[in-house]
Amino acid sequence: MTHGFEEVTPTEASVMLDMSRPQVRRMMDRGMLPFRMVGTHHRIRVSDIHAFNQADSTDELTEVRSRDGKLEAAPPKNER
């Protein structure tokens, strides 16, 4: 089990949050998911991921998650 003071990469956070890594990065860039830089690498506290998951039940975050998912969706096969 991880402790709240441990940190993970955006890729690891994406698995914990059940969203893509680009979605996690957008949440970080928008200030919705706190992070810190270690050199040129992003690190996110596990406790912040848990807090984000609890706040994710709000309509605003659900809407952002849904909208971001649509941005990443591949075009239908007939449009490729």
Foldseek 3Di string as FASTA:
>chain_A
DDDQADKDFLCVLCVVLVHHSVLSVVCCVVVNFPWDDDPNGTIGGPNSSVVSNVVCVDPVNVVSRVVVVVVPDDDPPVVD
